[in-house]
Amino acid sequence: MKENKYKAGDAVYAKIKPDVKLVVRRYIDRIYYCKFFNEPNRKELALFESEIVEK
């Protein structure tokens, strides 16, 4: 059984702000660490799979 739905490098969007593109950087202990696509120096987000949507 595959534990994580998204892999590093996948483009995703947070449910709370679906117009902002994120990129999965890593997945650890059921948490996805995502960078902002257009703002690489901005602090990354830590999201659970249930907080992420695909477009």
PDB file of N, CA and C in Angstrom:
ATOM      1  N   MET A   1       0.839  -1.193   0.000  1.00  0.00           N
ATOM      2  CA  MET A   1       0.000   0.000   0.000  1.00  0.00           C
ATOM      3  C   MET A   1       0.883   1.255   0.000  1.00  0.00           C
ATOM      4  N   LYS A   2       0.598   2.156  -0.895  1.00  0.00           N
ATOM      5  CA  LYS A   2       1.370   3.394  -0.986  1.00  0.00           C
ATOM      6  C   LYS A   2       0.869   4.368   0.073  1.00  0.00           C
ATOM      7  N   GLU A   3       1.799   4.900   0.843  1.00  0.00           N
ATOM      8  CA  GLU A   3       1.424   5.781   1.943  1.00  0.00           C
ATOM      9  C   GLU A   3       1.128   7.205   1.488  1.00  0.00           C
ATOM     10  N   ASN A   4       1.959   7.748   0.596  1.00  0.00           N
ATOM     11  CA  ASN A   4       1.759   9.136   0.194  1.00  0.00           C
ATOM     12  C   ASN A   4       1.244   9.229  -1.239  1.00  0.00           C
ATOM     13  N   LYS A   5       0.346  10.153  -1.454  1.00  0.00           N
ATOM     14  CA  LYS A   5      -0.286  10.357  -2.757  1.00  0.00           C
ATOM     15  C   LYS A   5       0.589  11.186  -3.689  1.00  0.00           C
ATOM     16  N   TYR A   6       1.311  12.147  -3.149  1.00  0.00           N
ATOM     17  CA  TYR A   6       2.129  13.051  -3.947  1.00  0.00           C
ATOM     18  C   TYR A   6       3.600  12.781  -3.690  1.00  0.00           C
ATOM     19  N   LYS A   7       4.424  13.031  -4.697  1.00  0.00           N
ATOM     20  CA  LYS A   7       5.862  12.834  -4.535  1.00  0.00           C
ATOM     21  C   LYS A   7       6.586  14.164  -4.715  1.00  0.00           C
ATOM     22  N   ALA A   8       7.845  14.221  -4.328  1.00  0.00           N
ATOM     23  CA  ALA A   8       8.647  15.441  -4.445  1.00  0.00           C
ATOM     24  C   ALA A   8       8.631  15.938  -5.887  1.00  0.00           C
ATOM     25  N   GLY A   9       8.399  17.229  -6.043  1.00  0.00           N
ATOM     26  CA  GLY A   9       8.347  17.831  -7.370  1.00  0.00           C
ATOM     27  C   GLY A   9       6.953  17.989  -7.934  1.00  0.00           C
ATOM     28  N   ASP A  10       5.957  17.334  -7.337  1.00  0.00           N
ATOM     29  CA  ASP A  10       4.571  17.453  -7.807  1.00  0.00           C
ATOM     30  C   ASP A  10       4.013  18.841  -7.517  1.00  0.00           C
ATOM     31  N   ALA A  11       3.247  19.364  -8.458  1.00  0.00           N
ATOM     32  CA  ALA A  11       2.560  20.651  -8.268  1.00  0.00           C
ATOM     33  C   ALA A  11       1.226  20.387  -7.587  1.00  0.00           C
ATOM     34  N   VAL A  12       0.957  21.107  -6.503  1.00  0.00           N
ATOM     35  CA  VAL A  12      -0.281  20.945  -5.741  1.00  0.00           C
ATOM     36  C   VAL A  12      -0.787  22.325  -5.315  1.00  0.00           C
ATOM     37  N   TYR A  13      -1.955  22.341  -4.699  1.00  0.00           N
ATOM     38  CA  TYR A  13      -2.577  23.578  -4.229  1.00  0.00           C
ATOM     39  C   TYR A  13      -3.192  23.312  -2.856  1.00  0.00           C
ATOM     40  N   ALA A  14      -3.113  24.299  -1.964  1.00  0.00           N
ATOM     41  CA  ALA A  14      -3.722  24.175  -0.642  1.00  0.00           C
ATOM     42  C   ALA A  14      -5.208  24.479  -0.764  1.00  0.00           C
ATOM     43  N   LYS A  15      -6.043  23.720  -0.073  1.00  0.00           N
ATOM     44  CA  LYS A  15      -7.495  23.951  -0.117  1.00  0.00           C
ATOM     45  C   LYS A  15      -7.863  25.363   0.327  1.00  0.00           C
ATOM     46  N   ILE A  16      -7.127  25.913   1.273  1.00  0.00           N
ATOM     47  CA  ILE A  16      -7.458  27.246   1.790  1.00  0.00           C
ATOM     48  C   ILE A  16      -7.091  28.363   0.817  1.00  0.00           C
ATOM     49  N   LYS A  17      -6.209  28.077  -0.135  1.00  0.00           N
ATOM     50  CA  LYS A  17      -5.786  29.077  -1.121  1.00  0.00           C
ATOM     51  C   LYS A  17      -5.485  28.362  -2.443  1.00  0.00           C
ATOM     52  N   PRO A  18      -6.523  27.886  -3.126  1.00  0.00           N
ATOM     53  CA  PRO A  18      -6.317  27.051  -4.320  1.00  0.00           C
ATOM     54  C   PRO A  18      -5.781  27.775  -5.545  1.00  0.00           C
ATOM     55  N   ASP A  19      -5.618  29.082  -5.478  1.00  0.00           N
ATOM     56  CA  ASP A  19      -5.077  29.819  -6.622  1.00  0.00           C
ATOM     57  C   ASP A  19      -3.559  29.973  -6.547  1.00  0.00           C
ATOM     58  N   VAL A  20      -2.936  29.503  -5.468  1.00  0.00           N
ATOM     59  CA  VAL A  20      -1.488  29.621  -5.297  1.00  0.00           C
ATOM     60  C   VAL A  20      -0.841  28.248  -5.525  1.00  0.00           C
ATOM     61  N   LYS A  21       0.019  28.180  -6.530  1.00  0.00           N
ATOM     62  CA  LYS A  21       0.678  26.925  -6.875  1.00  0.00           C
ATOM     63  C   LYS A  21       1.811  26.630  -5.903  1.00  0.00           C
ATOM     64  N   LEU A  22       1.839  25.383  -5.434  1.00  0.00           N
ATOM     65  CA  LEU A  22       2.884  24.908  -4.527  1.00  0.00           C
ATOM     66  C   LEU A  22       3.601  23.733  -5.168  1.00  0.00           C
ATOM     67  N   VAL A  23       4.800  23.460  -4.707  1.00  0.00           N
ATOM     68  CA  VAL A  23       5.561  22.301  -5.170  1.00  0.00           C
ATOM     69  C   VAL A  23       5.967  21.491  -3.946  1.00  0.00           C
ATOM     70  N   VAL A  24       5.671  20.199  -3.974  1.00  0.00           N
ATOM     71  CA  VAL A  24       6.040  19.320  -2.863  1.00  0.00           C
ATOM     72  C   VAL A  24       7.562  19.201  -2.823  1.00  0.00           C
ATOM     73  N   ARG A  25       8.138  19.522  -1.681  1.00  0.00           N
ATOM     74  CA  ARG A  25       9.590  19.406  -1.508  1.00  0.00           C
ATOM     75  C   ARG A  25       9.955  18.062  -0.899  1.00  0.00           C
ATOM     76  N   ARG A  26       9.202  17.648   0.128  1.00  0.00           N
ATOM     77  CA  ARG A  26       9.447  16.355   0.771  1.00  0.00           C
ATOM     78  C   ARG A  26       8.214  15.904   1.530  1.00  0.00           C
ATOM     79  N   TYR A  27       8.200  14.629   1.897  1.00  0.00           N
ATOM     80  CA  TYR A  27       7.097  14.018   2.634  1.00  0.00           C
ATOM     81  C   TYR A  27       7.685  13.247   3.801  1.00  0.00           C
ATOM     82  N   ILE A  28       7.308  13.630   5.018  1.00  0.00           N
ATOM     83  CA  ILE A  28       7.805  12.961   6.221  1.00  0.00           C
ATOM     84  C   ILE A  28       6.673  12.837   7.233  1.00  0.00           C
ATOM     85  N   ASP A  29       6.503  11.646   7.768  1.00  0.00           N
ATOM     86  CA  ASP A  29       5.517  11.395   8.833  1.00  0.00           C
ATOM     87  C   ASP A  29       4.133  11.958   8.501  1.00  0.00           C
ATOM     88  N   ARG A  30       3.636  11.667   7.305  1.00  0.00           N
ATOM     89  CA  ARG A  30       2.303  12.051   6.826  1.00  0.00           C
ATOM     90  C   ARG A  30       2.144  13.564   6.633  1.00  0.00           C
ATOM     91  N   ILE A  31       3.234  14.295   6.558  1.00  0.00           N
ATOM     92  CA  ILE A  31       3.181  15.737   6.324  1.00  0.00           C
ATOM     93  C   ILE A  31       3.946  16.065   5.048  1.00  0.00           C
ATOM     94  N   TYR A  32       3.311  16.869   4.195  1.00  0.00           N
ATOM     95  CA  TYR A  32       3.940  17.336   2.963  1.00  0.00           C
ATOM     96  C   TYR A  32       4.519  18.725   3.213  1.00  0.00           C
ATOM     97  N   TYR A  33       5.786  18.894   2.893  1.00  0.00           N
ATOM     98  CA  TYR A  33       6.441  20.196   3.006  1.00  0.00           C
ATOM     99  C   TYR A  33       6.489  20.786   1.603  1.00  0.00           C
ATOM    100  N   CYS A  34       5.791  21.907   1.425  1.00  0.00           N
ATOM    101  CA  CYS A  34       5.605  22.484   0.101  1.00  0.00           C
ATOM    102  C   CYS A  34       6.196  23.880  -0.005  1.00  0.00           C
ATOM    103  N   LYS A  35       6.869  24.126  -1.137  1.00  0.00           N
ATOM    104  CA  LYS A  35       7.427  25.444  -1.445  1.00  0.00           C
ATOM    105  C   LYS A  35       6.423  26.194  -2.300  1.00  0.00           C
ATOM    106  N   PHE A  36       6.473  27.502  -2.249  1.00  0.00           N
ATOM    107  CA  PHE A  36       5.660  28.327  -3.133  1.00  0.00           C
ATOM    108  C   PHE A  36       6.332  28.335  -4.505  1.00  0.00           C
ATOM    109  N   PHE A  37       5.591  28.051  -5.551  1.00  0.00           N
ATOM    110  CA  PHE A  37       6.139  27.911  -6.896  1.00  0.00           C
ATOM    111  C   PHE A  37       6.856  29.164  -7.375  1.00  0.00           C
ATOM    112  N   ASN A  38       6.233  30.323  -7.218  1.00  0.00           N
ATOM    113  CA  ASN A  38       6.800  31.571  -7.722  1.00  0.00           C
ATOM    114  C   ASN A  38       7.597  32.360  -6.686  1.00  0.00           C
ATOM    115  N   GLU A  39       7.662  31.852  -5.453  1.00  0.00           N
ATOM    116  CA  GLU A  39       8.371  32.557  -4.384  1.00  0.00           C
ATOM    117  C   GLU A  39       9.241  31.561  -3.611  1.00  0.00           C
ATOM    118  N   PRO A  40      10.346  31.136  -4.200  1.00  0.00           N
ATOM    119  CA  PRO A  40      11.171  30.093  -3.573  1.00  0.00           C
ATOM    120  C   PRO A  40      11.775  30.477  -2.225  1.00  0.00           C
ATOM    121  N   ASN A  41      11.902  31.774  -1.939  1.00  0.00           N
ATOM    122  CA  ASN A  41      12.484  32.199  -0.666  1.00  0.00           C
ATOM    123  C   ASN A  41      11.450  32.345   0.445  1.00  0.00           C
ATOM    124  N   ARG A  42      10.182  32.218   0.113  1.00  0.00           N
ATOM    125  CA  ARG A  42       9.116  32.314   1.113  1.00  0.00           C
ATOM    126  C   ARG A  42       9.106  31.050   1.973  1.00  0.00           C
ATOM    127  N   LYS A  43       8.733  31.210   3.231  1.00  0.00           N
ATOM    128  CA  LYS A  43       8.697  30.068   4.151  1.00  0.00           C
ATOM    129  C   LYS A  43       7.744  29.003   3.618  1.00  0.00           C
ATOM    130  N   GLU A  44       8.173  27.750   3.644  1.00  0.00           N
ATOM    131  CA  GLU A  44       7.349  26.670   3.101  1.00  0.00           C
ATOM    132  C   GLU A  44       6.178  26.336   4.016  1.00  0.00           C
ATOM    133  N   LEU A  45       5.204  25.635   3.451  1.00  0.00           N
ATOM    134  CA  LEU A  45       4.029  25.204   4.198  1.00  0.00           C
ATOM    135  C   LEU A  45       4.145  23.730   4.544  1.00  0.00           C
ATOM    136  N   ALA A  46       3.637  23.357   5.695  1.00  0.00           N
ATOM    137  CA  ALA A  46       3.546  21.958   6.103  1.00  0.00           C
ATOM    138  C   ALA A  46       2.069  21.597   6.078  1.00  0.00           C
ATOM    139  N   LEU A  47       1.701  20.675   5.199  1.00  0.00           N
ATOM    140  CA  LEU A  47       0.292  20.345   4.994  1.00  0.00           C
ATOM    141  C   LEU A  47       0.045  18.848   5.080  1.00  0.00           C
ATOM    142  N   PHE A  48      -1.122  18.484   5.599  1.00  0.00           N
ATOM    143  CA  PHE A  48      -1.559  17.102   5.546  1.00  0.00           C
ATOM    144  C   PHE A  48      -2.186  16.853   4.182  1.00  0.00           C
ATOM    145  N   GLU A  49      -2.242  15.597   3.771  1.00  0.00           N
ATOM    146  CA  GLU A  49      -2.818  15.252   2.463  1.00  0.00           C
ATOM    147  C   GLU A  49      -4.241  15.777   2.315  1.00  0.00           C
ATOM    148  N   SER A  50      -5.013  15.796   3.380  1.00  0.00           N
ATOM    149  CA  SER A  50      -6.407  16.257   3.329  1.00  0.00           C
ATOM    150  C   SER A  50      -6.511  17.759   3.091  1.00  0.00           C
ATOM    151  N   GLU A  51      -5.415  18.494   3.235  1.00  0.00           N
ATOM    152  CA  GLU A  51      -5.402  19.934   3.029  1.00  0.00           C
ATOM    153  C   GLU A  51      -4.935  20.318   1.623  1.00  0.00           C
ATOM    154  N   ILE A  52      -4.657  19.313   0.790  1.00  0.00           N
ATOM    155  CA  ILE A  52      -4.113  19.540  -0.543  1.00  0.00           C
ATOM    156  C   ILE A  52      -5.122  19.127  -1.614  1.00  0.00           C
ATOM    157  N   VAL A  53      -5.160  19.921  -2.696  1.00  0.00           N
ATOM    158  CA  VAL A  53      -5.995  19.571  -3.857  1.00  0.00           C
ATOM    159  C   VAL A  53      -5.124  19.650  -5.114  1.00  0.00           C
ATOM    160  N   GLU A  54      -5.555  18.941  -6.141  1.00  0.00           N
ATOM    161  CA  GLU A  54      -4.899  18.999  -7.451  1.00  0.00           C
ATOM    162  C   GLU A  54      -5.788  19.830  -8.362  1.00  0.00           C
ATOM    163  N   LYS A  55      -5.206  20.397  -9.398  1.00  0.00           N
ATOM    164  CA  LYS A  55      -6.027  21.117 -10.378  1.00  0.00           C
ATOM    165  C   LYS A  55      -6.065  20.366 -11.663  1.00  0.00           C
TER     166      LYS A  55
END
